Protein backbone atom coordinates (compact mmCIF):
# COMPACT_ATOMS: atom_id res chain seq x y z
CA UNK A 1 -19.25 -92.26 -237.80
CA UNK A 2 -21.12 -88.97 -238.13
CA UNK A 3 -21.26 -86.69 -235.09
CA UNK A 4 -24.69 -85.26 -234.32
CA UNK A 5 -25.68 -82.88 -231.54
CA UNK A 6 -29.25 -82.58 -230.33
CA UNK A 7 -29.79 -79.42 -228.30
CA UNK A 8 -32.89 -79.16 -226.15
CA UNK A 9 -34.25 -77.55 -223.00
CA UNK A 10 -36.26 -80.40 -221.54
CA UNK A 11 -39.67 -78.95 -222.41
CA UNK A 12 -42.46 -81.26 -223.68
CA UNK A 13 -41.75 -80.32 -227.32
CA UNK A 14 -38.05 -81.06 -226.79
CA UNK A 15 -38.67 -84.37 -225.03
CA UNK A 16 -40.95 -85.54 -227.82
CA UNK A 17 -38.36 -84.58 -230.45
CA UNK A 18 -35.63 -86.33 -228.42
CA UNK A 19 -37.65 -89.55 -228.36
CA UNK A 20 -38.18 -89.40 -232.12
CA UNK A 21 -34.52 -88.59 -232.87
CA UNK A 22 -33.33 -91.44 -230.64
CA UNK A 23 -35.60 -93.91 -232.45
CA UNK A 24 -34.71 -92.68 -235.96
CA UNK A 25 -30.92 -92.88 -235.85
CA UNK A 26 -28.87 -96.05 -235.53
CA UNK A 27 -26.32 -95.55 -232.74
CA UNK A 28 -23.86 -97.84 -234.54
CA UNK A 29 -23.74 -95.39 -237.46
CA UNK A 30 -24.16 -92.06 -235.68
CA UNK A 31 -22.51 -90.54 -232.63
CA UNK A 32 -25.53 -88.72 -231.20
CA UNK A 33 -24.98 -86.45 -228.21
CA UNK A 34 -27.98 -85.08 -226.33
CA UNK A 35 -27.29 -81.64 -224.86
CA UNK A 36 -29.83 -80.40 -222.30
CA UNK A 37 -29.24 -76.64 -222.27
CA UNK A 38 -31.58 -76.19 -219.34
CA UNK A 39 -29.19 -78.11 -217.09
CA UNK A 40 -25.92 -77.41 -218.93
CA UNK A 41 -26.07 -73.67 -219.62
CA UNK A 42 -22.31 -73.59 -220.27
CA UNK A 43 -23.01 -75.04 -223.72
CA UNK A 44 -25.40 -72.28 -224.84
CA UNK A 45 -22.51 -70.29 -226.36
CA UNK A 46 -21.40 -73.39 -228.27
CA UNK A 47 -24.93 -73.85 -229.65
CA UNK A 48 -25.09 -70.18 -230.68
CA UNK A 49 -21.74 -70.44 -232.47
CA UNK A 50 -23.08 -73.38 -234.47
CA UNK A 51 -26.11 -71.32 -235.52
CA UNK A 52 -28.74 -72.74 -233.18
CA UNK A 53 -31.41 -70.07 -232.59
CA UNK A 54 -34.02 -72.17 -230.81
CA UNK A 55 -34.50 -75.61 -229.35
CA UNK A 56 -35.06 -78.38 -230.11
CA UNK A 57 -32.39 -78.38 -232.80
CA UNK A 58 -30.27 -81.08 -234.41
CA UNK A 59 -26.78 -80.25 -235.73
CA UNK A 60 -25.24 -82.58 -238.32
CA UNK A 61 -22.00 -81.67 -240.10
CA UNK A 62 -22.32 -78.10 -238.76
CA UNK A 63 -25.74 -77.77 -240.39
CA UNK A 64 -28.58 -76.83 -238.05
CA UNK A 65 -32.04 -78.31 -238.34
CA UNK A 66 -34.51 -76.46 -236.13
CA UNK A 67 -37.29 -78.82 -235.09
CA UNK A 68 -40.61 -77.26 -234.14
CA UNK A 69 -40.19 -74.42 -231.64
CA UNK A 70 -39.78 -75.00 -227.94
CA UNK A 71 -37.74 -72.00 -226.75
CA UNK A 72 -35.37 -69.39 -228.11
CA UNK A 73 -31.79 -69.66 -226.85
CA UNK A 74 -32.15 -66.15 -225.42
CA UNK A 75 -34.82 -67.54 -223.06
CA UNK A 76 -32.36 -70.08 -221.67
CA UNK A 77 -29.69 -67.56 -220.65
């Protein structure tokens, strides 16, 4: 099962992307973890280390896919 991380900040852009991601991926084939950086700021460093520059972003196999632009990680600190 592939591990996927979806980082977001809870903004309207992020919530829309979260809804789409949830619908697109089969939970029996993918381990999808939603990480709300607005409420769990302790994971911002983790996101930065993976290469996330802005949210919403999806990380699959350590590859970052930036989706639209909601907020820069620097704005969440």
